[in-house]
PDB file of N, CA and C in Angstrom:
ATOM      1  N   MET A   1       0.814  -1.184   0.006  1.00  0.00           N
ATOM      2  CA  MET A   1       0.002   0.006   0.004  1.00  0.00           C
ATOM      3  C   MET A   1       0.867   1.253  -0.003  1.00  0.00           C
ATOM      4  N   ARG A   2       1.964   1.203   0.768  1.00  0.00           N
ATOM      5  CA  ARG A   2       2.860   2.343   0.804  1.00  0.00           C
ATOM      6  C   ARG A   2       3.495   2.592  -0.564  1.00  0.00           C
ATOM      7  N   THR A   3       3.797   1.530  -1.267  1.00  0.00           N
ATOM      8  CA  THR A   3       4.404   1.665  -2.587  1.00  0.00           C
ATOM      9  C   THR A   3       3.447   2.363  -3.533  1.00  0.00           C
ATOM     10  N   LEU A   4       2.192   1.995  -3.497  1.00  0.00           N
ATOM     11  CA  LEU A   4       1.189   2.631  -4.352  1.00  0.00           C
ATOM     12  C   LEU A   4       1.037   4.106  -4.003  1.00  0.00           C
ATOM     13  N   ALA A   5       0.991   4.421  -2.736  1.00  0.00           N
ATOM     14  CA  ALA A   5       0.863   5.815  -2.298  1.00  0.00           C
ATOM     15  C   ALA A   5       2.082   6.623  -2.716  1.00  0.00           C
ATOM     16  N   LEU A   6       3.267   6.034  -2.605  1.00  0.00           N
ATOM     17  CA  LEU A   6       4.502   6.703  -3.009  1.00  0.00           C
ATOM     18  C   LEU A   6       4.500   6.955  -4.520  1.00  0.00           C
ATOM     19  N   PHE A   7       4.060   5.980  -5.301  1.00  0.00           N
ATOM     20  CA  PHE A   7       4.000   6.122  -6.752  1.00  0.00           C
ATOM     21  C   PHE A   7       3.021   7.226  -7.164  1.00  0.00           C
ATOM     22  N   VAL A   8       1.834   7.242  -6.573  1.00  0.00           N
ATOM     23  CA  VAL A   8       0.836   8.253  -6.880  1.00  0.00           C
ATOM     24  C   VAL A   8       1.355   9.639  -6.504  1.00  0.00           C
ATOM     25  N   THR A   9       2.019   9.771  -5.374  1.00  0.00           N
ATOM     26  CA  THR A   9       2.577  11.050  -4.948  1.00  0.00           C
ATOM     27  C   THR A   9       3.665  11.514  -5.912  1.00  0.00           C
ATOM     28  N   ALA A  10       4.527  10.599  -6.346  1.00  0.00           N
ATOM     29  CA  ALA A  10       5.602  10.964  -7.273  1.00  0.00           C
ATOM     30  C   ALA A  10       5.038  11.453  -8.607  1.00  0.00           C
ATOM     31  N   VAL A  11       4.031  10.778  -9.125  1.00  0.00           N
ATOM     32  CA  VAL A  11       3.420  11.191 -10.381  1.00  0.00           C
ATOM     33  C   VAL A  11       2.723  12.529 -10.207  1.00  0.00           C
ATOM     34  N   ALA A  12       2.067  12.761  -9.115  1.00  0.00           N
ATOM     35  CA  ALA A  12       1.360  14.032  -8.868  1.00  0.00           C
ATOM     36  C   ALA A  12       2.350  15.189  -8.741  1.00  0.00           C
ATOM     37  N   LEU A  13       3.501  14.956  -8.127  1.00  0.00           N
ATOM     38  CA  LEU A  13       4.492  16.019  -7.949  1.00  0.00           C
ATOM     39  C   LEU A  13       5.176  16.409  -9.265  1.00  0.00           C
ATOM     40  N   THR A  14       5.255  15.508 -10.195  1.00  0.00           N
ATOM     41  CA  THR A  14       5.926  15.841 -11.472  1.00  0.00           C
ATOM     42  C   THR A  14       4.989  16.557 -12.413  1.00  0.00           C
ATOM     43  N   GLY A  15       3.729  16.700 -12.069  1.00  0.00           N
ATOM     44  CA  GLY A  15       2.793  17.452 -12.901  1.00  0.00           C
ATOM     45  C   GLY A  15       2.412  16.713 -14.158  1.00  0.00           C
ATOM     46  N   CYS A  16       2.135  17.487 -15.203  1.00  0.00           N
ATOM     47  CA  CYS A  16       1.641  16.921 -16.454  1.00  0.00           C
ATOM     48  C   CYS A  16       2.754  16.613 -17.448  1.00  0.00           C
ATOM     49  N   THR A  17       4.004  16.612 -17.014  1.00  0.00           N
ATOM     50  CA  THR A  17       5.089  16.394 -17.970  1.00  0.00           C
ATOM     51  C   THR A  17       5.051  15.010 -18.606  1.00  0.00           C
ATOM     52  N   HIS A  18       4.408  14.066 -17.971  1.00  0.00           N
ATOM     53  CA  HIS A  18       4.322  12.727 -18.532  1.00  0.00           C
ATOM     54  C   HIS A  18       3.215  12.601 -19.582  1.00  0.00           C
ATOM     55  N   PHE A  19       2.279  13.547 -19.577  1.00  0.00           N
ATOM     56  CA  PHE A  19       1.122  13.428 -20.464  1.00  0.00           C
ATOM     57  C   PHE A  19       1.181  14.358 -21.671  1.00  0.00           C
ATOM     58  N   PHE A  20       1.905  15.474 -21.596  1.00  0.00           N
ATOM     59  CA  PHE A  20       1.988  16.432 -22.695  1.00  0.00           C
ATOM     60  C   PHE A  20       3.421  16.535 -23.173  1.00  0.00           C
ATOM     61  N   PRO A  21       3.663  16.303 -24.456  1.00  0.00           N
ATOM     62  CA  PRO A  21       5.031  16.391 -24.965  1.00  0.00           C
ATOM     63  C   PRO A  21       5.525  17.844 -24.952  1.00  0.00           C
ATOM     64  N   ALA A  22       6.824  17.993 -24.914  1.00  0.00           N
ATOM     65  CA  ALA A  22       7.416  19.342 -24.946  1.00  0.00           C
ATOM     66  C   ALA A  22       7.182  19.979 -26.314  1.00  0.00           C
ATOM     67  N   LYS A  23       7.078  21.305 -26.333  1.00  0.00           N
ATOM     68  CA  LYS A  23       6.867  22.012 -27.597  1.00  0.00           C
ATOM     69  C   LYS A  23       8.131  21.955 -28.423  1.00  0.00           C
ATOM     70  N   ALA A  24       7.946  21.892 -29.732  1.00  0.00           N
ATOM     71  CA  ALA A  24       9.087  21.883 -30.646  1.00  0.00           C
ATOM     72  C   ALA A  24       9.728  23.261 -30.653  1.00  0.00           C
ATOM     73  N   PRO A  25      11.067  23.308 -30.737  1.00  0.00           N
ATOM     74  CA  PRO A  25      11.731  24.608 -30.811  1.00  0.00           C
ATOM     75  C   PRO A  25      11.414  25.284 -32.145  1.00  0.00           C
ATOM     76  N   CYS A  26      11.394  26.594 -32.137  1.00  0.00           N
ATOM     77  CA  CYS A  26      11.087  27.350 -33.351  1.00  0.00           C
ATOM     78  C   CYS A  26      12.204  27.192 -34.381  1.00  0.00           C
ATOM     79  N   PRO A  27      11.846  26.884 -35.623  1.00  0.00           N
ATOM     80  CA  PRO A  27      12.872  26.738 -36.656  1.00  0.00           C
ATOM     81  C   PRO A  27      13.353  28.111 -37.159  1.00  0.00           C
ATOM     82  N   ASP A  28      14.527  28.143 -37.739  1.00  0.00           N
ATOM     83  CA  ASP A  28      15.022  29.364 -38.380  1.00  0.00           C
ATOM     84  C   ASP A  28      14.204  29.608 -39.655  1.00  0.00           C
ATOM     85  N   ILE A  29      13.932  30.863 -39.936  1.00  0.00           N
ATOM     86  CA  ILE A  29      13.213  31.236 -41.156  1.00  0.00           C
ATOM     87  C   ILE A  29      14.242  31.575 -42.224  1.00  0.00           C
ATOM     88  N   LEU A  30      14.287  30.773 -43.274  1.00  0.00           N
ATOM     89  CA  LEU A  30      15.269  30.954 -44.350  1.00  0.00           C
ATOM     90  C   LEU A  30      14.843  32.048 -45.314  1.00  0.00           C
ATOM     91  N   SER A  31      13.557  32.111 -45.645  1.00  0.00           N
ATOM     92  CA  SER A  31      13.043  33.152 -46.526  1.00  0.00           C
ATOM     93  C   SER A  31      11.561  33.361 -46.225  1.00  0.00           C
ATOM     94  N   ALA A  32      11.101  34.594 -46.520  1.00  0.00           N
ATOM     95  CA  ALA A  32       9.705  34.946 -46.275  1.00  0.00           C
ATOM     96  C   ALA A  32       9.253  35.914 -47.357  1.00  0.00           C
ATOM     97  N   GLU A  33       8.086  35.655 -47.914  1.00  0.00           N
ATOM     98  CA  GLU A  33       7.509  36.517 -48.946  1.00  0.00           C
ATOM     99  C   GLU A  33       6.029  36.708 -48.669  1.00  0.00           C
ATOM    100  N   ALA A  34       5.504  37.851 -49.099  1.00  0.00           N
ATOM    101  CA  ALA A  34       4.083  38.123 -48.973  1.00  0.00           C
ATOM    102  C   ALA A  34       3.633  38.927 -50.175  1.00  0.00           C
ATOM    103  N   TRP A  35       2.432  38.601 -50.658  1.00  0.00           N
ATOM    104  CA  TRP A  35       1.887  39.336 -51.811  1.00  0.00           C
ATOM    105  C   TRP A  35       0.370  39.293 -51.789  1.00  0.00           C
ATOM    106  N   THR A  36      -0.203  40.303 -52.422  1.00  0.00           N
ATOM    107  CA  THR A  36      -1.652  40.355 -52.617  1.00  0.00           C
ATOM    108  C   THR A  36      -1.907  39.967 -54.065  1.00  0.00           C
ATOM    109  N   ASP A  37      -2.729  38.958 -54.278  1.00  0.00           N
ATOM    110  CA  ASP A  37      -3.009  38.424 -55.604  1.00  0.00           C
ATOM    111  C   ASP A  37      -4.163  39.192 -56.251  1.00  0.00           C
ATOM    112  N   ARG A  38      -3.826  40.039 -57.224  1.00  0.00           N
ATOM    113  CA  ARG A  38      -4.868  40.803 -57.926  1.00  0.00           C
ATOM    114  C   ARG A  38      -4.914  40.395 -59.399  1.00  0.00           C
ATOM    115  N   MET A  39      -4.543  39.156 -59.673  1.00  0.00           N
ATOM    116  CA  MET A  39      -4.586  38.650 -61.053  1.00  0.00           C
ATOM    117  C   MET A  39      -6.043  38.558 -61.493  1.00  0.00           C
ATOM    118  N   PRO A  40      -6.322  38.945 -62.746  1.00  0.00           N
ATOM    119  CA  PRO A  40      -7.710  38.857 -63.237  1.00  0.00           C
ATOM    120  C   PRO A  40      -8.125  37.390 -63.440  1.00  0.00           C
ATOM    121  N   GLY A  41      -9.411  37.152 -63.389  1.00  0.00           N
ATOM    122  CA  GLY A  41      -9.928  35.805 -63.610  1.00  0.00           C
ATOM    123  C   GLY A  41     -11.434  35.809 -63.526  1.00  0.00           C
ATOM    124  N   PRO A  42     -12.060  34.766 -64.057  1.00  0.00           N
ATOM    125  CA  PRO A  42     -13.526  34.694 -64.012  1.00  0.00           C
ATOM    126  C   PRO A  42     -14.008  34.479 -62.576  1.00  0.00           C
ATOM    127  N   GLU A  43     -14.966  35.295 -62.173  1.00  0.00           N
ATOM    128  CA  GLU A  43     -15.592  35.177 -60.859  1.00  0.00           C
ATOM    129  C   GLU A  43     -14.566  35.106 -59.738  1.00  0.00           C
ATOM    130  N   LYS A  44     -13.527  35.907 -59.841  1.00  0.00           N
ATOM    131  CA  LYS A  44     -12.463  35.909 -58.846  1.00  0.00           C
ATOM    132  C   LYS A  44     -12.954  36.583 -57.563  1.00  0.00           C
ATOM    133  N   PRO A  45     -12.744  35.966 -56.404  1.00  0.00           N
ATOM    134  CA  PRO A  45     -13.150  36.580 -55.136  1.00  0.00           C
ATOM    135  C   PRO A  45     -12.225  37.768 -54.810  1.00  0.00           C
ATOM    136  N   ALA A  46     -12.440  38.351 -53.657  1.00  0.00           N
ATOM    137  CA  ALA A  46     -11.602  39.467 -53.196  1.00  0.00           C
ATOM    138  C   ALA A  46     -10.132  39.053 -53.233  1.00  0.00           C
ATOM    139  N   ALA A  47      -9.268  40.043 -53.449  1.00  0.00           N
ATOM    140  CA  ALA A  47      -7.829  39.779 -53.584  1.00  0.00           C
ATOM    141  C   ALA A  47      -7.257  39.178 -52.280  1.00  0.00           C
ATOM    142  N   PRO A  48      -6.769  37.936 -52.337  1.00  0.00           N
ATOM    143  CA  PRO A  48      -6.234  37.334 -51.117  1.00  0.00           C
ATOM    144  C   PRO A  48      -4.799  37.765 -50.847  1.00  0.00           C
ATOM    145  N   LEU A  49      -4.459  37.827 -49.565  1.00  0.00           N
ATOM    146  CA  LEU A  49      -3.089  38.021 -49.123  1.00  0.00           C
ATOM    147  C   LEU A  49      -2.483  36.648 -48.929  1.00  0.00           C
ATOM    148  N   ILE A  50      -1.292  36.448 -49.470  1.00  0.00           N
ATOM    149  CA  ILE A  50      -0.612  35.146 -49.377  1.00  0.00           C
ATOM    150  C   ILE A  50       0.759  35.372 -48.748  1.00  0.00           C
ATOM    151  N   VAL A  51       1.081  34.568 -47.724  1.00  0.00           N
ATOM    152  CA  VAL A  51       2.383  34.631 -47.061  1.00  0.00           C
ATOM    153  C   VAL A  51       3.013  33.245 -47.182  1.00  0.00           C
ATOM    154  N   SER A  52       4.282  33.217 -47.589  1.00  0.00           N
ATOM    155  CA  SER A  52       4.994  31.953 -47.774  1.00  0.00           C
ATOM    156  C   SER A  52       6.322  31.994 -47.038  1.00  0.00           C
ATOM    157  N   LEU A  53       6.595  30.955 -46.233  1.00  0.00           N
ATOM    158  CA  LEU A  53       7.860  30.865 -45.487  1.00  0.00           C
ATOM    159  C   LEU A  53       8.597  29.592 -45.874  1.00  0.00           C
ATOM    160  N   ARG A  54       9.922  29.679 -45.959  1.00  0.00           N
ATOM    161  CA  ARG A  54      10.789  28.500 -46.069  1.00  0.00           C
ATOM    162  C   ARG A  54      11.496  28.401 -44.719  1.00  0.00           C
ATOM    163  N   LEU A  55      11.438  27.218 -44.119  1.00  0.00           N
ATOM    164  CA  LEU A  55      11.962  27.004 -42.771  1.00  0.00           C
ATOM    165  C   LEU A  55      13.094  25.990 -42.773  1.00  0.00           C
ATOM    166  N   ASP A  56      13.989  26.125 -41.820  1.00  0.00           N
ATOM    167  CA  ASP A  56      15.114  25.213 -41.683  1.00  0.00           C
ATOM    168  C   ASP A  56      14.701  24.050 -40.765  1.00  0.00           C
ATOM    169  N   THR A  57      13.823  23.193 -41.297  1.00  0.00           N
ATOM    170  CA  THR A  57      13.315  22.048 -40.525  1.00  0.00           C
ATOM    171  C   THR A  57      12.743  21.016 -41.485  1.00  0.00           C
ATOM    172  N   ASP A  58      12.588  19.796 -40.998  1.00  0.00           N
ATOM    173  CA  ASP A  58      11.935  18.737 -41.759  1.00  0.00           C
ATOM    174  C   ASP A  58      10.546  18.445 -41.202  1.00  0.00           C
ATOM    175  N   GLU A  59      10.054  19.294 -40.322  1.00  0.00           N
ATOM    176  CA  GLU A  59       8.751  19.123 -39.700  1.00  0.00           C
ATOM    177  C   GLU A  59       7.705  20.006 -40.368  1.00  0.00           C
ATOM    178  N   LEU A  60       6.425  19.721 -40.077  1.00  0.00           N
ATOM    179  CA  LEU A  60       5.333  20.543 -40.579  1.00  0.00           C
ATOM    180  C   LEU A  60       5.056  21.692 -39.612  1.00  0.00           C
ATOM    181  N   TRP A  61       4.888  22.892 -40.153  1.00  0.00           N
ATOM    182  CA  TRP A  61       4.572  24.096 -39.377  1.00  0.00           C
ATOM    183  C   TRP A  61       3.457  24.842 -40.074  1.00  0.00           C
ATOM    184  N   MET A  62       2.728  25.673 -39.314  1.00  0.00           N
ATOM    185  CA  MET A  62       1.633  26.455 -39.906  1.00  0.00           C
ATOM    186  C   MET A  62       1.623  27.867 -39.354  1.00  0.00           C
ATOM    187  N   LEU A  63       0.994  28.760 -40.084  1.00  0.00           N
ATOM    188  CA  LEU A  63       0.840  30.159 -39.683  1.00  0.00           C
ATOM    189  C   LEU A  63      -0.630  30.421 -39.371  1.00  0.00           C
ATOM    190  N   THR A  64      -0.896  31.049 -38.235  1.00  0.00           N
ATOM    191  CA  THR A  64      -2.261  31.442 -37.895  1.00  0.00           C
ATOM    192  C   THR A  64      -2.252  32.933 -37.544  1.00  0.00           C
ATOM    193  N   ALA A  65      -3.349  33.620 -37.858  1.00  0.00           N
ATOM    194  CA  ALA A  65      -3.430  35.046 -37.628  1.00  0.00           C
ATOM    195  C   ALA A  65      -3.728  35.340 -36.162  1.00  0.00           C
ATOM    196  N   THR A  66      -3.109  36.411 -35.668  1.00  0.00           N
ATOM    197  CA  THR A  66      -3.350  36.922 -34.338  1.00  0.00           C
ATOM    198  C   THR A  66      -4.019  38.281 -34.494  1.00  0.00           C
ATOM    199  N   ILE A  67      -5.110  38.497 -33.804  1.00  0.00           N
ATOM    200  CA  ILE A  67      -5.825  39.779 -33.915  1.00  0.00           C
ATOM    201  C   ILE A  67      -5.028  40.847 -33.172  1.00  0.00           C
ATOM    202  N   GLN A  68      -4.803  41.953 -33.848  1.00  0.00           N
ATOM    203  CA  GLN A  68      -4.026  43.035 -33.264  1.00  0.00           C
ATOM    204  C   GLN A  68      -4.728  44.336 -33.600  1.00  0.00           C
ATOM    205  N   GLU A  69      -5.652  44.752 -32.749  1.00  0.00           N
ATOM    206  CA  GLU A  69      -6.501  45.894 -33.060  1.00  0.00           C
ATOM    207  C   GLU A  69      -5.800  47.240 -32.885  1.00  0.00           C
ATOM    208  N   GLU A  70      -4.729  47.318 -32.112  1.00  0.00           N
ATOM    209  CA  GLU A  70      -4.049  48.584 -31.909  1.00  0.00           C
ATOM    210  C   GLU A  70      -3.389  49.070 -33.195  1.00  0.00           C
ATOM    211  N   SER A  71      -2.910  48.150 -34.021  1.00  0.00           N
ATOM    212  CA  SER A  71      -2.196  48.512 -35.250  1.00  0.00           C
ATOM    213  C   SER A  71      -2.826  47.798 -36.438  1.00  0.00           C
ATOM    214  N   PRO A  72      -3.845  48.395 -37.061  1.00  0.00           N
ATOM    215  CA  PRO A  72      -4.499  47.700 -38.180  1.00  0.00           C
ATOM    216  C   PRO A  72      -3.599  47.530 -39.405  1.00  0.00           C
ATOM    217  N   SER A  73      -2.517  48.317 -39.502  1.00  0.00           N
ATOM    218  CA  SER A  73      -1.626  48.167 -40.639  1.00  0.00           C
ATOM    219  C   SER A  73      -0.573  47.087 -40.415  1.00  0.00           C
ATOM    220  N   VAL A  74      -0.613  46.427 -39.249  1.00  0.00           N
ATOM    221  CA  VAL A  74       0.338  45.371 -38.936  1.00  0.00           C
ATOM    222  C   VAL A  74      -0.438  44.064 -38.778  1.00  0.00           C
ATOM    223  N   LEU A  75      -0.039  43.058 -39.524  1.00  0.00           N
ATOM    224  CA  LEU A  75      -0.624  41.723 -39.393  1.00  0.00           C
ATOM    225  C   LEU A  75       0.374  40.853 -38.653  1.00  0.00           C
ATOM    226  N   GLN A  76      -0.047  40.251 -37.563  1.00  0.00           N
ATOM    227  CA  GLN A  76       0.829  39.387 -36.793  1.00  0.00           C
ATOM    228  C   GLN A  76       0.411  37.945 -37.011  1.00  0.00           C
ATOM    229  N   LEU A  77       1.362  37.116 -37.414  1.00  0.00           N
ATOM    230  CA  LEU A  77       1.112  35.690 -37.665  1.00  0.00           C
ATOM    231  C   LEU A  77       1.913  34.863 -36.676  1.00  0.00           C
ATOM    232  N   ASP A  78       1.274  33.833 -36.136  1.00  0.00           N
ATOM    233  CA  ASP A  78       1.909  32.959 -35.152  1.00  0.00           C
ATOM    234  C   ASP A  78       2.363  31.681 -35.853  1.00  0.00           C
ATOM    235  N   LEU A  79       3.642  31.362 -35.756  1.00  0.00           N
ATOM    236  CA  LEU A  79       4.216  30.154 -36.331  1.00  0.00           C
ATOM    237  C   LEU A  79       4.116  29.042 -35.294  1.00  0.00           C
ATOM    238  N   GLN A  80       3.375  27.961 -35.667  1.00  0.00           N
ATOM    239  CA  GLN A  80       3.108  26.863 -34.749  1.00  0.00           C
ATOM    240  C   GLN A  80       3.404  25.519 -35.396  1.00  0.00           C
ATOM    241  N   PRO A  81       3.792  24.520 -34.615  1.00  0.00           N
ATOM    242  CA  PRO A  81       3.997  23.197 -35.179  1.00  0.00           C
ATOM    243  C   PRO A  81       2.674  22.589 -35.643  1.00  0.00           C
ATOM    244  N   GLY A  82       2.749  21.779 -36.698  1.00  0.00           N
ATOM    245  CA  GLY A  82       1.561  21.088 -37.201  1.00  0.00           C
ATOM    246  C   GLY A  82       1.104  21.652 -38.515  1.00  0.00           C
ATOM    247  N   GLY A  83      -0.122  21.318 -38.871  1.00  0.00           N
ATOM    248  CA  GLY A  83      -0.692  21.808 -40.116  1.00  0.00           C
ATOM    249  C   GLY A  83      -0.487  20.819 -41.250  1.00  0.00           C
ATOM    250  N   ALA A  84      -0.907  21.240 -42.424  1.00  0.00           N
ATOM    251  CA  ALA A  84      -0.779  20.415 -43.611  1.00  0.00           C
ATOM    252  C   ALA A  84       0.123  21.134 -44.602  1.00  0.00           C
ATOM    253  N   GLY A  85       0.732  20.414 -45.472  1.00  0.00           N
ATOM    254  CA  GLY A  85       1.580  21.052 -46.483  1.00  0.00           C
ATOM    255  C   GLY A  85       2.851  20.258 -46.682  1.00  0.00           C
ATOM    256  N   TYR A  86       3.941  20.987 -46.870  1.00  0.00           N
ATOM    257  CA  TYR A  86       5.236  20.382 -47.129  1.00  0.00           C
ATOM    258  C   TYR A  86       6.184  20.651 -45.970  1.00  0.00           C
ATOM    259  N   PRO A  87       6.948  19.645 -45.551  1.00  0.00           N
ATOM    260  CA  PRO A  87       7.924  19.894 -44.490  1.00  0.00           C
ATOM    261  C   PRO A  87       8.892  20.992 -44.904  1.00  0.00           C
ATOM    262  N   GLY A  88       9.213  21.860 -43.979  1.00  0.00           N
ATOM    263  CA  GLY A  88      10.142  22.938 -44.253  1.00  0.00           C
ATOM    264  C   GLY A  88       9.490  24.180 -44.836  1.00  0.00           C
ATOM    265  N   SER A  89       8.161  24.212 -44.859  1.00  0.00           N
ATOM    266  CA  SER A  89       7.477  25.397 -45.369  1.00  0.00           C
ATOM    267  C   SER A  89       6.232  25.669 -44.513  1.00  0.00           C
ATOM    268  N   ALA A  90       5.787  26.918 -44.576  1.00  0.00           N
ATOM    269  CA  ALA A  90       4.558  27.306 -43.894  1.00  0.00           C
ATOM    270  C   ALA A  90       3.916  28.396 -44.733  1.00  0.00           C
ATOM    271  N   GLY A  91       2.586  28.417 -44.748  1.00  0.00           N
ATOM    272  CA  GLY A  91       1.895  29.399 -45.549  1.00  0.00           C
ATOM    273  C   GLY A  91       0.646  29.929 -44.864  1.00  0.00           C
ATOM    274  N   PHE A  92       0.190  31.067 -45.372  1.00  0.00           N
ATOM    275  CA  PHE A  92      -1.011  31.711 -44.843  1.00  0.00           C
ATOM    276  C   PHE A  92      -1.716  32.364 -46.025  1.00  0.00           C
ATOM    277  N   ARG A  93      -3.038  32.244 -46.040  1.00  0.00           N
ATOM    278  CA  ARG A  93      -3.851  32.856 -47.115  1.00  0.00           C
ATOM    279  C   ARG A  93      -5.125  33.395 -46.494  1.00  0.00           C
ATOM    280  N   SER A  94      -5.456  34.647 -46.823  1.00  0.00           N
ATOM    281  CA  SER A  94      -6.658  35.243 -46.275  1.00  0.00           C
ATOM    282  C   SER A  94      -7.194  36.321 -47.211  1.00  0.00           C
ATOM    283  N   THR A  95      -8.516  36.332 -47.423  1.00  0.00           N
ATOM    284  CA  THR A  95      -9.135  37.396 -48.189  1.00  0.00           C
ATOM    285  C   THR A  95      -9.560  38.549 -47.297  1.00  0.00           C
ATOM    286  N   LYS A  96      -9.454  38.362 -45.980  1.00  0.00           N
ATOM    287  CA  LYS A  96      -9.882  39.387 -45.030  1.00  0.00           C
ATOM    288  C   LYS A  96      -8.725  40.204 -44.466  1.00  0.00           C
ATOM    289  N   ALA A  97      -7.491  39.815 -44.739  1.00  0.00           N
ATOM    290  CA  ALA A  97      -6.332  40.483 -44.134  1.00  0.00           C
ATOM    291  C   ALA A  97      -6.005  41.804 -44.803  1.00  0.00           C
ATOM    292  N   GLY A  98      -6.527  42.036 -46.019  1.00  0.00           N
ATOM    293  CA  GLY A  98      -6.242  43.288 -46.722  1.00  0.00           C
ATOM    294  C   GLY A  98      -4.795  43.365 -47.196  1.00  0.00           C
ATOM    295  N   HIS A  99      -4.240  44.573 -47.180  1.00  0.00           N
ATOM    296  CA  HIS A  99      -2.867  44.792 -47.606  1.00  0.00           C
ATOM    297  C   HIS A  99      -2.126  45.508 -46.476  1.00  0.00           C
ATOM    298  N   PRO A 100      -1.604  44.750 -45.497  1.00  0.00           N
ATOM    299  CA  PRO A 100      -0.954  45.361 -44.340  1.00  0.00           C
ATOM    300  C   PRO A 100       0.357  46.053 -44.720  1.00  0.00           C
ATOM    301  N   GLY A 101       0.756  47.023 -43.902  1.00  0.00           N
ATOM    302  CA  GLY A 101       2.023  47.706 -44.125  1.00  0.00           C
ATOM    303  C   GLY A 101       3.207  46.807 -43.811  1.00  0.00           C
ATOM    304  N   ARG A 102       3.061  45.948 -42.829  1.00  0.00           N
ATOM    305  CA  ARG A 102       4.101  44.969 -42.519  1.00  0.00           C
ATOM    306  C   ARG A 102       3.470  43.760 -41.868  1.00  0.00           C
ATOM    307  N   ILE A 103       4.201  42.645 -41.938  1.00  0.00           N
ATOM    308  CA  ILE A 103       3.741  41.376 -41.363  1.00  0.00           C
ATOM    309  C   ILE A 103       4.809  40.917 -40.374  1.00  0.00           C
ATOM    310  N   GLU A 104       4.390  40.616 -39.177  1.00  0.00           N
ATOM    311  CA  GLU A 104       5.296  40.118 -38.141  1.00  0.00           C
ATOM    312  C   GLU A 104       5.059  38.637 -37.917  1.00  0.00           C
ATOM    313  N   ILE A 105       6.129  37.862 -37.959  1.00  0.00           N
ATOM    314  CA  ILE A 105       6.064  36.425 -37.695  1.00  0.00           C
ATOM    315  C   ILE A 105       6.554  36.194 -36.277  1.00  0.00           C
ATOM    316  N   VAL A 106       5.684  35.611 -35.434  1.00  0.00           N
ATOM    317  CA  VAL A 106       5.989  35.383 -34.021  1.00  0.00           C
ATOM    318  C   VAL A 106       5.983  33.875 -33.785  1.00  0.00           C
ATOM    319  N   CYS A 107       6.945  33.397 -32.987  1.00  0.00           N
ATOM    320  CA  CYS A 107       6.977  31.985 -32.608  1.00  0.00           C
ATOM    321  C   CYS A 107       7.347  31.908 -31.132  1.00  0.00           C
ATOM    322  N   ALA A 108       6.565  31.182 -30.372  1.00  0.00           N
ATOM    323  CA  ALA A 108       6.774  31.010 -28.928  1.00  0.00           C
ATOM    324  C   ALA A 108       6.829  32.359 -28.212  1.00  0.00           C
ATOM    325  N   GLY A 109       6.004  33.314 -28.675  1.00  0.00           N
ATOM    326  CA  GLY A 109       5.905  34.602 -28.029  1.00  0.00           C
ATOM    327  C   GLY A 109       6.987  35.595 -28.401  1.00  0.00           C
ATOM    328  N   LYS A 110       7.913  35.219 -29.292  1.00  0.00           N
ATOM    329  CA  LYS A 110       9.002  36.120 -29.680  1.00  0.00           C
ATOM    330  C   LYS A 110       8.921  36.462 -31.165  1.00  0.00           C
ATOM    331  N   LEU A 111       9.218  37.708 -31.489  1.00  0.00           N
ATOM    332  CA  LEU A 111       9.241  38.152 -32.883  1.00  0.00           C
ATOM    333  C   LEU A 111      10.431  37.483 -33.574  1.00  0.00           C
ATOM    334  N   ARG A 112      10.137  36.728 -34.655  1.00  0.00           N
ATOM    335  CA  ARG A 112      11.192  35.996 -35.358  1.00  0.00           C
ATOM    336  C   ARG A 112      11.566  36.602 -36.701  1.00  0.00           C
ATOM    337  N   HIS A 113      10.597  37.288 -37.345  1.00  0.00           N
ATOM    338  CA  HIS A 113      10.861  37.859 -38.672  1.00  0.00           C
ATOM    339  C   HIS A 113       9.820  38.937 -38.978  1.00  0.00           C
ATOM    340  N   THR A 114      10.207  39.930 -39.762  1.00  0.00           N
ATOM    341  CA  THR A 114       9.292  40.979 -40.196  1.00  0.00           C
ATOM    342  C   THR A 114       9.357  41.103 -41.705  1.00  0.00           C
ATOM    343  N   ILE A 115       8.197  41.083 -42.357  1.00  0.00           N
ATOM    344  CA  ILE A 115       8.106  41.315 -43.806  1.00  0.00           C
ATOM    345  C   ILE A 115       7.609  42.740 -43.975  1.00  0.00           C
ATOM    346  N   ARG A 116       8.417  43.579 -44.585  1.00  0.00           N
ATOM    347  CA  ARG A 116       8.061  44.987 -44.758  1.00  0.00           C
ATOM    348  C   ARG A 116       7.522  45.290 -46.150  1.00  0.00           C
ATOM    349  N   ASP A 117       7.880  44.503 -47.124  1.00  0.00           N
ATOM    350  CA  ASP A 117       7.462  44.729 -48.501  1.00  0.00           C
ATOM    351  C   ASP A 117       6.434  43.687 -48.910  1.00  0.00           C
ATOM    352  N   VAL A 118       5.161  44.077 -48.900  1.00  0.00           N
ATOM    353  CA  VAL A 118       4.083  43.196 -49.356  1.00  0.00           C
ATOM    354  C   VAL A 118       3.815  43.547 -50.810  1.00  0.00           C
ATOM    355  N   MET A 119       4.141  42.637 -51.714  1.00  0.00           N
ATOM    356  CA  MET A 119       4.002  42.901 -53.140  1.00  0.00           C
ATOM    357  C   MET A 119       2.536  42.835 -53.580  1.00  0.00           C
ATOM    358  N   ILE A 120       2.246  43.494 -54.686  1.00  0.00           N
ATOM    359  CA  ILE A 120       0.932  43.383 -55.318  1.00  0.00           C
ATOM    360  C   ILE A 120       1.168  42.722 -56.687  1.00  0.00           C
ATOM    361  N   VAL A 121       0.588  41.565 -56.883  1.00  0.00           N
ATOM    362  CA  VAL A 121       0.739  40.810 -58.135  1.00  0.00           C
ATOM    363  C   VAL A 121      -0.514  41.051 -58.964  1.00  0.00           C
ATOM    364  N   SER A 122      -0.328  41.623 -60.159  1.00  0.00           N
ATOM    365  CA  SER A 122      -1.488  41.874 -61.019  1.00  0.00           C
ATOM    366  C   SER A 122      -1.203  41.523 -62.448  1.00  0.00           C
TER     367      SER A 122
END
């Protein structure tokens, strides 16, 4: 009985480290591009903003938007493990993001890269 109590106490003291894996470290960003697609086409929806990253990793990563109401001309994207696509790349596409003045890429709460030139492709 003492052994069982000791085991339960040891597991409780170590917290959730046995149940949740550690987060992957943020990969280096090798290149980053952003553009607004204004190419003509039949029944084309609003011009989408597209962001493309090349990463120094063999894992899958994704970009998600973070709402930042204080600076509407700044789009902040969070780089997170997971998603679908190709290892070593991450992308973002939105018809609602408009044409921001700059795009900030954040990973694990730290600013990792800034895109200042958002191209317009027409």
